[in-house]
């Protein structure tokens, strides 16, 4: 990767590396190492052998878990441990990390072996998610926790607040409703499809949420999951209002 390419990636990350070799290692997949080492032996004997990004991925995973937990605690101090855990899992799952990696263009910067290149390695979810964690570790090693926190805020956390139009703060209303009902000795809510409308490519679903044989609320969404979350949110608001009134 040329220095100009480094600088483009640093600009997208919002971090300029004092030790650019950390970024280089973070972007080196294990499949590239044998070829890179062979090239080093021919050109510059005695140079430190190329290393893959697997250990940095391990460190990046730990940094990500810590900072995602901190972010959620600060953003949603009223949430239960269950809500926090589910939302953290949603932020740090492979799909979220892959999307963040694509947003940064990490695929085009990855160093992969010829075999991996032929099988589309630069576009694989696992490689992209792992590379994102490794780059996070590189930032942490280069400049510490504050720098890693800022990179995550820019590249992952702010975007993770919105996923398919549904914010994290509303993403787990079904669990919140379940906890509310369970805490009051009520049976779990049931979700029933009440109707569908629109053409196949723009279908809308209406879901009703029932408790104790009573329909508490309904929700409309472009997916059944979205409609269920909206129905659960409305039902929870209704129950909380009823309880507040005594």
Protein backbone atom coordinates (compact mmCIF):
# COMPACT_ATOMS: atom_id res chain seq x y z
CA UNK A 1 0.00 0.00 0.00
CA UNK A 2 1.49 3.33 -1.05
CA UNK A 3 1.83 6.29 1.27
CA UNK A 4 -0.88 8.19 -0.66
CA UNK A 5 -3.25 5.25 -0.14
CA UNK A 6 -2.28 5.23 3.55
CA UNK A 7 -3.16 8.91 3.78
CA UNK A 8 -6.55 8.38 2.12
CA UNK A 9 -7.42 5.69 4.63
CA UNK A 10 -6.11 7.78 7.53
CA UNK A 11 -8.36 10.62 6.40
CA UNK A 12 -11.40 8.35 6.38
CA UNK A 13 -10.44 7.01 9.81
CA UNK A 14 -9.79 10.47 11.18
CA UNK A 15 -6.44 9.31 12.57
CA UNK A 16 -2.89 9.89 11.30
CA UNK A 17 -0.50 7.13 12.37
CA UNK A 18 2.73 7.98 14.13
CA UNK A 19 3.77 4.36 13.44
CA UNK A 20 2.36 3.53 9.97
CA UNK A 21 3.73 -0.01 10.18
CA UNK A 22 0.91 -0.76 12.62
CA UNK A 23 -1.67 0.04 9.97
CA UNK A 24 0.23 -2.03 7.42
CA UNK A 25 0.19 -5.06 9.70
CA UNK A 26 -3.49 -4.56 10.53
CA UNK A 27 -4.29 -4.84 6.82
CA UNK A 28 -2.18 -7.96 6.20
CA UNK A 29 -4.19 -11.17 5.95
CA UNK A 30 -2.44 -14.43 6.84
CA UNK A 31 -2.75 -15.61 3.21
CA UNK A 32 -0.39 -12.82 2.11
CA UNK A 33 2.42 -13.55 4.57
CA UNK A 34 4.26 -16.36 2.71
CA UNK A 35 4.39 -14.31 -0.49
CA UNK A 36 5.43 -11.16 1.34
CA UNK A 37 8.20 -12.97 3.22
CA UNK A 38 9.47 -14.56 0.01
CA UNK A 39 9.66 -11.11 -1.55
CA UNK A 40 11.46 -9.70 1.48
CA UNK A 41 14.08 -12.44 1.39
CA UNK A 42 14.88 -11.65 -2.23
CA UNK A 43 14.92 -7.85 -1.90
CA UNK A 44 16.02 -6.92 1.62
CA UNK A 45 17.66 -9.76 3.55
CA UNK A 46 17.51 -9.23 7.31
CA UNK A 47 14.34 -7.12 7.26
CA UNK A 48 11.78 -7.98 9.94
CA UNK A 49 9.46 -10.66 8.48
CA UNK A 50 5.94 -9.64 7.47
CA UNK A 51 3.31 -10.47 10.09
CA UNK A 52 -0.42 -11.08 9.72
CA UNK A 53 -3.19 -9.23 11.54
CA UNK A 54 -4.58 -12.08 13.65
CA UNK A 55 -3.11 -10.96 16.98
CA UNK A 56 -4.22 -7.37 16.29
CA UNK A 57 -7.71 -8.64 15.53
CA UNK A 58 -7.72 -10.34 18.96
CA UNK A 59 -6.74 -7.08 20.67
CA UNK A 60 -9.16 -5.02 18.58
CA UNK A 61 -12.04 -7.27 19.61
CA UNK A 62 -11.32 -6.54 23.29
CA UNK A 63 -11.01 -2.77 22.68
CA UNK A 64 -14.27 -2.82 20.74
CA UNK A 65 -16.17 -4.67 23.48
CA UNK A 66 -14.94 -2.20 26.11
CA UNK A 67 -15.69 0.96 24.16
CA UNK A 68 -19.06 -0.29 22.87
CA UNK A 69 -20.07 -1.05 26.47
CA UNK A 70 -18.94 2.40 27.60
CA UNK A 71 -20.77 4.08 24.72
CA UNK A 72 -24.07 2.33 25.46
CA UNK A 73 -23.86 3.01 29.21
CA UNK A 74 -23.35 6.72 28.58
CA UNK A 75 -26.00 6.91 25.86
CA UNK A 76 -28.70 4.85 27.60
CA UNK A 77 -28.12 5.00 31.39
CA UNK A 78 -31.66 3.80 32.13
CA UNK A 79 -31.28 0.49 30.27
CA UNK A 80 -31.11 -2.89 31.99
CA UNK A 81 -28.13 -5.21 31.64
CA UNK A 82 -30.14 -7.34 29.21
CA UNK A 83 -30.92 -4.40 26.94
CA UNK A 84 -27.30 -3.23 27.03
CA UNK A 85 -25.98 -6.71 26.21
CA UNK A 86 -28.34 -7.21 23.27
CA UNK A 87 -27.57 -3.79 21.84
CA UNK A 88 -23.83 -4.29 22.24
CA UNK A 89 -24.11 -7.58 20.38
CA UNK A 90 -25.92 -5.76 17.61
CA UNK A 91 -23.22 -3.09 17.34
CA UNK A 92 -20.23 -5.46 17.36
CA UNK A 93 -21.57 -8.32 15.23
CA UNK A 94 -19.82 -9.29 12.02
CA UNK A 95 -22.41 -7.61 9.82
CA UNK A 96 -22.01 -4.22 11.55
CA UNK A 97 -18.22 -4.47 11.37
CA UNK A 98 -18.36 -5.48 7.71
CA UNK A 99 -20.51 -2.43 6.91
CA UNK A 100 -18.08 -0.18 8.78
CA UNK A 101 -15.13 -1.75 6.93
CA UNK A 102 -16.85 -1.17 3.58
CA UNK A 103 -17.58 2.43 4.55
CA UNK A 104 -13.85 2.89 5.12
CA UNK A 105 -12.92 1.03 1.94
CA UNK A 106 -10.76 -1.45 3.85
CA UNK A 107 -11.20 -4.14 1.19
CA UNK A 108 -9.18 -2.23 -1.37
CA UNK A 109 -6.34 -1.75 1.14
CA UNK A 110 -6.12 -5.38 2.34
CA UNK A 111 -3.00 -7.37 1.54
CA UNK A 112 -4.16 -10.88 0.65
CA UNK A 113 -2.48 -13.86 -1.03
CA UNK A 114 -3.07 -14.73 -4.67
CA UNK A 115 -5.38 -17.62 -3.79
CA UNK A 116 -7.50 -15.46 -1.50
CA UNK A 117 -7.57 -12.75 -4.17
CA UNK A 118 -8.94 -15.20 -6.73
CA UNK A 119 -11.76 -16.29 -4.41
CA UNK A 120 -12.87 -12.72 -3.69
CA UNK A 121 -11.19 -12.39 -0.28
CA UNK A 122 -11.34 -8.61 -0.32
CA UNK A 123 -15.12 -8.83 -0.36
CA UNK A 124 -15.63 -11.53 2.29
CA UNK A 125 -17.52 -10.52 5.43
CA UNK A 126 -15.14 -12.35 7.76
CA UNK A 127 -12.00 -10.77 6.33
CA UNK A 128 -13.52 -7.29 6.37
CA UNK A 129 -14.87 -7.58 9.93
CA UNK A 130 -11.52 -8.97 11.15
CA UNK A 131 -9.62 -6.19 9.37
CA UNK A 132 -11.80 -3.56 11.05
CA UNK A 133 -10.95 -4.98 14.48
CA UNK A 134 -7.26 -5.14 13.57
CA UNK A 135 -7.25 -1.51 12.38
CA UNK A 136 -8.94 -0.50 15.64
CA UNK A 137 -6.13 -2.26 17.52
CA UNK A 138 -3.58 -0.42 15.38
CA UNK A 139 -5.14 2.92 16.35
CA UNK A 140 -5.15 1.89 20.01
CA UNK A 141 -1.49 0.84 19.94
CA UNK A 142 -0.53 3.97 18.03
CA UNK A 143 -2.32 6.57 20.16
CA UNK A 144 -4.28 4.99 23.00
CA UNK A 145 -7.88 4.55 24.09
CA UNK A 146 -9.05 8.09 23.36
CA UNK A 147 -8.00 7.82 19.72
CA UNK A 148 -9.68 4.41 19.40
CA UNK A 149 -12.84 5.81 20.98
CA UNK A 150 -12.96 8.68 18.48
CA UNK A 151 -12.41 6.39 15.50
CA UNK A 152 -15.24 4.12 16.66
CA UNK A 153 -17.53 7.09 17.18
CA UNK A 154 -16.90 8.28 13.63
CA UNK A 155 -16.90 4.96 11.83
CA UNK A 156 -19.23 2.67 13.78
CA UNK A 157 -21.20 4.03 16.71
CA UNK A 158 -22.92 6.98 15.04
CA UNK A 159 -23.89 4.79 12.09
CA UNK A 160 -24.96 1.89 14.31
CA UNK A 161 -27.59 4.15 15.87
CA UNK A 162 -29.48 3.73 12.62
CA UNK A 163 -29.95 0.35 10.99
CA UNK A 164 -32.63 -0.02 8.36
CA UNK A 165 -34.23 3.12 9.72
CA UNK A 166 -34.57 1.69 13.21
CA UNK A 167 -32.52 3.26 15.96
CA UNK A 168 -30.73 1.22 18.60
CA UNK A 169 -32.70 3.03 21.26
CA UNK A 170 -35.83 1.42 19.80
CA UNK A 171 -34.25 -1.79 18.59
CA UNK A 172 -35.07 -3.94 21.59
CA UNK A 173 -38.59 -2.92 22.52
CA UNK A 174 -39.74 -6.54 22.38
CA UNK A 175 -37.30 -7.48 25.13
CA UNK A 176 -38.23 -4.39 27.13
CA UNK A 177 -41.92 -5.32 26.91
CA UNK A 178 -41.12 -8.89 27.91
CA UNK A 179 -39.18 -7.68 30.97
CA UNK A 180 -42.03 -5.33 31.93
CA UNK A 181 -44.61 -8.13 31.73
CA UNK A 182 -42.41 -10.68 33.48
CA UNK A 183 -41.74 -8.26 36.32
CA UNK A 184 -45.48 -8.00 36.94
CA UNK A 185 -46.26 -11.70 36.72
CA UNK A 186 -47.85 -11.40 33.27
CA UNK A 187 -47.55 -13.99 30.48
CA UNK A 188 -45.30 -13.14 27.51
CA UNK A 189 -46.67 -11.09 24.64
CA UNK A 190 -47.83 -12.75 21.43
CA UNK A 191 -47.28 -11.18 18.00
CA UNK A 192 -49.79 -11.82 15.24
CA UNK A 193 -49.70 -10.81 11.59
CA UNK A 194 -52.80 -8.67 11.07
CA UNK A 195 -52.30 -7.84 7.41
CA UNK A 196 -50.02 -7.16 4.46
CA UNK A 197 -50.26 -4.51 1.77
CA UNK A 198 -48.35 -3.20 -1.23
CA UNK A 199 -46.42 -4.87 -4.06
CA UNK A 200 -43.77 -7.49 -3.31
CA UNK A 201 -40.88 -5.03 -3.57
CA UNK A 202 -42.58 -2.51 -1.24
CA UNK A 203 -44.63 -4.74 1.02
CA UNK A 204 -45.83 -3.42 4.37
CA UNK A 205 -46.74 -5.61 7.34
CA UNK A 206 -49.13 -4.89 10.20
CA UNK A 207 -48.39 -6.78 13.41
CA UNK A 208 -50.57 -6.83 16.53
CA UNK A 209 -49.23 -7.52 20.02
CA UNK A 210 -51.56 -9.45 22.35
CA UNK A 211 -51.33 -9.99 26.12
CA UNK A 212 -53.85 -12.01 28.14
CA UNK A 213 -56.17 -12.24 25.14
CA UNK A 214 -56.19 -8.48 24.60
CA UNK A 215 -54.72 -6.62 21.64
CA UNK A 216 -52.63 -3.86 23.21
CA UNK A 217 -51.27 -2.21 20.07
CA UNK A 218 -50.24 -2.69 16.46
CA UNK A 219 -47.27 -1.64 14.37
CA UNK A 220 -46.62 -1.12 10.67
CA UNK A 221 -43.26 -1.81 9.04
CA UNK A 222 -41.49 -2.81 5.85
CA UNK A 223 -40.43 -6.04 7.59
CA UNK A 224 -42.24 -8.17 10.16
CA UNK A 225 -39.40 -7.53 12.61
CA UNK A 226 -39.75 -3.77 12.26
CA UNK A 227 -43.53 -3.99 12.67
CA UNK A 228 -43.14 -6.13 15.80
CA UNK A 229 -40.73 -3.63 17.35
CA UNK A 230 -43.12 -0.75 16.66
CA UNK A 231 -46.05 -2.69 18.08
CA UNK A 232 -44.03 -3.56 21.19
CA UNK A 233 -43.02 0.08 21.67
CA UNK A 234 -46.64 1.24 21.48
CA UNK A 235 -47.79 -1.50 23.85
CA UNK A 236 -45.06 -0.66 26.35
CA UNK A 237 -45.94 3.04 26.26
CA UNK A 238 -49.58 2.17 26.87
CA UNK A 239 -48.79 -0.12 29.79
CA UNK A 240 -46.39 2.37 31.38
CA UNK A 241 -48.97 5.16 31.07
CA UNK A 242 -51.68 2.97 32.61
CA UNK A 243 -49.38 2.03 35.49
CA UNK A 244 -48.40 5.66 36.08
CA UNK A 245 -52.06 6.63 36.39
CA UNK A 246 -52.49 3.98 39.05
